[in-house]
Amino acid sequence: MENINKVPSKIIEIETSIKLFEYLKRKSVIDDGMYNFCINKLIGKLELEKSKIDDEYINDLNNYKILT
C-alpha cells in the first residue's frame, strides 16, 4: 500500500471543521470576522499537522483513529 493513500484523522477533522464554517458562512449564521478568525486558526492547525507527517508518523496507526 502506498503512503499517499493514508490521511491522518486529525487532518480529516480539521478539513471537516473548515467545511462546517464555510456552510455556516453561506447560511449567514456567522459574520465575516468570525469566519476569517476561525478559518485562520484552523489553517494554522492544518499546516502544523501536515508538517508533522514523516514515515514514522504515517506508520503509526494511532494517527488514523477518529475520536467521536
N, C-alpha and C. Protein backbone atom coordinates (compact mmCIF):
# COMPACT_ATOMS: atom_id res chain seq x y z
N MET A 1 0.85 -1.18 0.00
CA MET A 1 0.00 0.00 0.00
C MET A 1 0.89 1.24 0.00
N GLU A 2 0.53 2.21 -0.79
CA GLU A 2 1.30 3.45 -0.86
C GLU A 2 0.92 4.36 0.29
N ASN A 3 1.90 5.12 0.77
CA ASN A 3 1.65 6.04 1.88
C ASN A 3 0.77 7.21 1.48
N ILE A 4 0.71 7.51 0.19
CA ILE A 4 -0.05 8.67 -0.26
C ILE A 4 -1.56 8.49 -0.03
N ASN A 5 -2.02 7.27 0.11
CA ASN A 5 -3.44 6.99 0.31
C ASN A 5 -3.87 7.15 1.76
N LYS A 6 -2.94 7.34 2.66
CA LYS A 6 -3.25 7.47 4.08
C LYS A 6 -3.39 8.94 4.46
N VAL A 7 -4.49 9.26 5.11
CA VAL A 7 -4.70 10.63 5.59
C VAL A 7 -4.98 10.54 7.09
N PRO A 8 -4.15 11.17 7.92
CA PRO A 8 -4.38 11.13 9.37
C PRO A 8 -5.73 11.72 9.75
N SER A 9 -6.32 11.16 10.79
CA SER A 9 -7.66 11.58 11.22
C SER A 9 -7.70 13.04 11.66
N LYS A 10 -6.62 13.57 12.22
CA LYS A 10 -6.61 14.98 12.64
C LYS A 10 -6.79 15.90 11.43
N ILE A 11 -6.17 15.54 10.31
CA ILE A 11 -6.32 16.35 9.11
C ILE A 11 -7.74 16.28 8.59
N ILE A 12 -8.34 15.12 8.63
CA ILE A 12 -9.74 14.97 8.21
C ILE A 12 -10.65 15.79 9.11
N GLU A 13 -10.39 15.75 10.41
CA GLU A 13 -11.20 16.50 11.37
C GLU A 13 -11.10 18.01 11.11
N ILE A 14 -9.91 18.51 10.86
CA ILE A 14 -9.72 19.94 10.61
C ILE A 14 -10.39 20.35 9.30
N GLU A 15 -10.23 19.54 8.27
CA GLU A 15 -10.86 19.86 6.98
C GLU A 15 -12.39 19.83 7.09
N THR A 16 -12.92 18.93 7.89
CA THR A 16 -14.37 18.88 8.12
C THR A 16 -14.83 20.14 8.85
N SER A 17 -14.05 20.61 9.81
CA SER A 17 -14.39 21.84 10.53
C SER A 17 -14.39 23.04 9.58
N ILE A 18 -13.43 23.07 8.66
CA ILE A 18 -13.39 24.16 7.68
C ILE A 18 -14.66 24.14 6.83
N LYS A 19 -15.07 22.96 6.40
CA LYS A 19 -16.30 22.84 5.60
C LYS A 19 -17.51 23.29 6.40
N LEU A 20 -17.55 22.99 7.69
CA LEU A 20 -18.65 23.43 8.54
C LEU A 20 -18.71 24.95 8.60
N PHE A 21 -17.57 25.60 8.78
CA PHE A 21 -17.55 27.06 8.83
C PHE A 21 -17.95 27.68 7.48
N GLU A 22 -17.56 27.04 6.38
CA GLU A 22 -17.99 27.52 5.06
C GLU A 22 -19.51 27.44 4.94
N TYR A 23 -20.10 26.36 5.44
CA TYR A 23 -21.55 26.21 5.41
C TYR A 23 -22.23 27.28 6.27
N LEU A 24 -21.71 27.49 7.48
CA LEU A 24 -22.30 28.49 8.37
C LEU A 24 -22.22 29.89 7.78
N LYS A 25 -21.13 30.18 7.09
CA LYS A 25 -20.99 31.49 6.45
C LYS A 25 -21.99 31.64 5.31
N ARG A 26 -22.17 30.60 4.51
CA ARG A 26 -23.13 30.65 3.41
C ARG A 26 -24.55 30.86 3.91
N LYS A 27 -24.87 30.27 5.05
CA LYS A 27 -26.21 30.40 5.63
C LYS A 27 -26.35 31.64 6.50
N SER A 28 -25.33 32.48 6.53
CA SER A 28 -25.32 33.74 7.30
C SER A 28 -25.52 33.54 8.80
N VAL A 29 -25.03 32.43 9.31
CA VAL A 29 -25.10 32.16 10.74
C VAL A 29 -23.97 32.88 11.47
N ILE A 30 -22.81 32.98 10.81
CA ILE A 30 -21.68 33.70 11.38
C ILE A 30 -21.28 34.83 10.44
N ASP A 31 -20.68 35.88 11.00
CA ASP A 31 -20.27 37.01 10.17
C ASP A 31 -18.86 36.80 9.60
N ASP A 32 -18.45 37.71 8.75
CA ASP A 32 -17.15 37.59 8.08
C ASP A 32 -15.98 37.56 9.06
N GLY A 33 -16.05 38.38 10.09
CA GLY A 33 -14.95 38.45 11.05
C GLY A 33 -14.76 37.14 11.79
N MET A 34 -15.86 36.55 12.27
CA MET A 34 -15.78 35.28 12.98
C MET A 34 -15.31 34.17 12.04
N TYR A 35 -15.81 34.19 10.81
CA TYR A 35 -15.43 33.19 9.81
C TYR A 35 -13.92 33.26 9.55
N ASN A 36 -13.42 34.46 9.28
CA ASN A 36 -11.99 34.63 8.99
C ASN A 36 -11.12 34.23 10.17
N PHE A 37 -11.53 34.60 11.38
CA PHE A 37 -10.76 34.24 12.57
C PHE A 37 -10.67 32.72 12.71
N CYS A 38 -11.81 32.04 12.62
CA CYS A 38 -11.84 30.59 12.80
C CYS A 38 -11.09 29.86 11.69
N ILE A 39 -11.27 30.30 10.45
CA ILE A 39 -10.59 29.66 9.33
C ILE A 39 -9.08 29.83 9.45
N ASN A 40 -8.62 31.01 9.84
CA ASN A 40 -7.18 31.23 10.00
C ASN A 40 -6.60 30.32 11.09
N LYS A 41 -7.33 30.15 12.19
CA LYS A 41 -6.87 29.24 13.26
C LYS A 41 -6.81 27.81 12.75
N LEU A 42 -7.83 27.39 12.01
CA LEU A 42 -7.86 26.02 11.50
C LEU A 42 -6.78 25.78 10.46
N ILE A 43 -6.52 26.75 9.61
CA ILE A 43 -5.46 26.60 8.61
C ILE A 43 -4.10 26.48 9.29
N GLY A 44 -3.91 27.22 10.37
CA GLY A 44 -2.67 27.10 11.14
C GLY A 44 -2.51 25.70 11.71
N LYS A 45 -3.59 25.16 12.26
CA LYS A 45 -3.55 23.79 12.80
C LYS A 45 -3.30 22.78 11.69
N LEU A 46 -3.92 23.00 10.54
CA LEU A 46 -3.75 22.09 9.41
C LEU A 46 -2.30 22.07 8.93
N GLU A 47 -1.70 23.23 8.83
CA GLU A 47 -0.30 23.32 8.40
C GLU A 47 0.62 22.65 9.42
N LEU A 48 0.31 22.80 10.71
CA LEU A 48 1.10 22.16 11.75
C LEU A 48 1.01 20.64 11.63
N GLU A 49 -0.18 20.12 11.45
CA GLU A 49 -0.36 18.67 11.30
C GLU A 49 0.34 18.15 10.06
N LYS A 50 0.25 18.88 8.97
CA LYS A 50 0.91 18.44 7.74
C LYS A 50 2.43 18.47 7.89
N SER A 51 2.95 19.38 8.70
CA SER A 51 4.41 19.45 8.88
C SER A 51 4.93 18.29 9.73
N LYS A 52 4.06 17.65 10.51
CA LYS A 52 4.46 16.53 11.35
C LYS A 52 4.59 15.23 10.56
N ILE A 53 4.06 15.20 9.37
CA ILE A 53 4.00 13.95 8.62
C ILE A 53 5.38 13.54 8.12
N ASP A 54 5.80 12.37 8.54
CA ASP A 54 7.00 11.72 8.04
C ASP A 54 6.72 10.21 8.05
N ASP A 55 7.70 9.39 7.74
CA ASP A 55 7.46 7.95 7.64
C ASP A 55 6.99 7.35 8.96
N GLU A 56 7.57 7.79 10.07
CA GLU A 56 7.17 7.26 11.37
C GLU A 56 5.72 7.65 11.69
N TYR A 57 5.37 8.88 11.42
CA TYR A 57 4.01 9.38 11.66
C TYR A 57 3.01 8.61 10.80
N ILE A 58 3.35 8.36 9.55
CA ILE A 58 2.46 7.65 8.63
C ILE A 58 2.22 6.21 9.07
N ASN A 59 3.23 5.57 9.61
CA ASN A 59 3.11 4.17 10.01
C ASN A 59 2.51 3.96 11.39
N ASP A 60 2.27 5.03 12.15
CA ASP A 60 1.66 4.92 13.48
C ASP A 60 0.14 4.87 13.33
N LEU A 61 -0.44 3.72 13.65
CA LEU A 61 -1.89 3.53 13.47
C LEU A 61 -2.73 4.43 14.37
N ASN A 62 -2.18 4.91 15.46
CA ASN A 62 -2.93 5.79 16.35
C ASN A 62 -3.29 7.12 15.68
N ASN A 63 -2.60 7.49 14.63
CA ASN A 63 -2.88 8.74 13.93
C ASN A 63 -4.08 8.62 12.99
N TYR A 64 -4.65 7.44 12.90
CA TYR A 64 -5.77 7.22 11.98
C TYR A 64 -7.06 6.87 12.70
N LYS A 65 -7.06 6.94 14.03
CA LYS A 65 -8.27 6.68 14.81
C LYS A 65 -9.06 7.97 14.90
N ILE A 66 -10.33 7.87 14.55
CA ILE A 66 -11.20 9.05 14.64
C ILE A 66 -11.89 9.04 16.00
N LEU A 67 -11.70 10.10 16.74
CA LEU A 67 -12.33 10.23 18.04
C LEU A 67 -13.67 10.93 17.89
N THR A 68 -14.68 10.36 18.49
CA THR A 68 -16.02 10.97 18.42
C THR A 68 -16.47 11.43 19.76
